[in-house]
Amino acid sequence: MAKSYPVTIRIIEAKSSCSSGHRVGEEFRLEGYTPEGLCLTAFAGLLPMARILAAGGSLGPETDRIVASCPDPKGGLIFEVVREKG
């Protein structure tokens, strides 16, 4: 069975307020289910990137971190998706 790494999603910047009430500094750990408190719009947009990191893959030059904006055009949040050492 392939190794699966733990992944953490962090809100690192807010360019505007979030309609779901998310704030800079919030963290969500992916452990097989939708993280409690993370809105579904953000989760749906970040899940493909998180799955790549969890499987040991990467997107771009940083091998354990992806920075992405909220998929909600009104969201204005910047997320960091990080593969934790595990």
Protein backbone atom coordinates (compact mmCIF):
# COMPACT_ATOMS: atom_id res chain seq x y z
CA MET A 1 0.00 0.00 0.00
CA ALA A 2 1.33 3.47 -0.90
CA LYS A 3 2.24 5.82 1.92
CA SER A 4 -0.19 8.65 2.63
CA TYR A 5 1.15 11.82 4.22
CA PRO A 6 -0.81 14.10 6.55
CA VAL A 7 -1.83 17.41 4.99
CA THR A 8 -2.67 20.71 6.67
CA ILE A 9 -4.57 23.58 5.07
CA ARG A 10 -3.84 27.05 6.50
CA ILE A 11 -5.29 30.45 5.72
CA ILE A 12 -2.28 32.71 5.27
CA GLU A 13 -3.75 35.89 3.77
CA ALA A 14 -7.09 37.67 3.35
CA LYS A 15 -7.47 40.15 0.52
CA SER A 16 -11.09 40.74 1.54
CA SER A 17 -13.56 39.36 4.05
CA CYS A 18 -14.82 35.80 3.66
CA SER A 19 -18.56 35.13 3.40
CA SER A 20 -18.02 31.94 5.44
CA GLY A 21 -16.24 33.84 8.20
CA HIS A 22 -12.81 32.27 7.70
CA ARG A 23 -9.84 34.24 9.05
CA VAL A 24 -6.08 34.30 8.66
CA GLY A 25 -4.42 31.75 10.93
CA GLU A 26 -7.11 29.08 10.78
CA GLU A 27 -5.81 25.56 10.17
CA PHE A 28 -7.56 22.43 8.99
CA ARG A 29 -6.04 18.96 8.98
CA LEU A 30 -7.05 16.49 6.28
CA GLU A 31 -7.69 13.12 7.82
CA GLY A 32 -9.94 11.31 5.35
CA TYR A 33 -13.02 13.53 5.70
CA THR A 34 -14.02 17.12 5.05
CA PRO A 35 -12.26 19.06 7.82
CA GLU A 36 -14.75 20.38 10.35
CA GLY A 37 -15.35 24.10 9.89
CA LEU A 38 -13.86 24.42 6.38
CA CYS A 39 -16.46 25.64 3.89
CA LEU A 40 -17.29 23.29 1.05
CA THR A 41 -16.28 25.77 -1.67
CA ALA A 42 -12.73 26.04 -0.34
CA PHE A 43 -12.55 22.30 0.36
CA ALA A 44 -13.70 21.39 -3.16
CA GLY A 45 -11.11 23.70 -4.73
CA LEU A 46 -8.22 22.62 -2.51
CA LEU A 47 -8.92 18.87 -2.38
CA PRO A 48 -7.15 17.95 -5.66
CA MET A 49 -3.97 19.73 -4.52
CA ALA A 50 -4.18 18.21 -1.05
CA ARG A 51 -4.58 14.70 -2.50
CA ILE A 52 -1.48 15.17 -4.68
CA LEU A 53 0.58 16.19 -1.65
CA ALA A 54 -0.88 13.39 0.48
CA ALA A 55 0.21 10.87 -2.14
CA GLY A 56 3.77 12.21 -2.13
CA GLY A 57 3.50 14.22 -5.36
CA SER A 58 4.12 17.89 -6.02
CA LEU A 59 3.04 20.74 -8.27
CA GLY A 60 5.90 23.04 -9.15
CA PRO A 61 9.24 23.72 -7.53
CA GLU A 62 8.13 23.49 -3.89
CA THR A 63 7.68 19.80 -3.23
CA ASP A 64 5.73 19.91 0.04
CA ARG A 65 3.69 23.13 -0.23
CA ILE A 66 1.11 24.65 -2.56
CA VAL A 67 -0.29 28.18 -2.25
CA ALA A 68 -3.72 28.75 -3.79
CA SER A 69 -6.48 31.33 -3.69
CA CYS A 70 -10.02 30.58 -2.63
CA PRO A 71 -12.10 29.30 -5.56
CA ASP A 72 -14.94 31.63 -4.52
CA PRO A 73 -14.36 34.82 -6.56
CA LYS A 74 -15.75 36.84 -3.64
CA GLY A 75 -13.62 34.94 -1.07
CA GLY A 76 -10.30 36.74 -1.25
CA LEU A 77 -8.47 34.20 0.91
CA ILE A 78 -5.06 32.69 0.22
CA PHE A 79 -4.50 29.13 1.43
CA GLU A 80 -1.32 27.17 2.03
CA VAL A 81 -1.63 23.41 1.57
CA VAL A 82 1.28 21.63 3.26
CA ARG A 83 2.42 18.02 3.30
CA GLU A 84 3.55 17.31 6.84
CA LYS A 85 6.46 15.02 7.56
CA GLY A 86 5.05 11.72 8.55
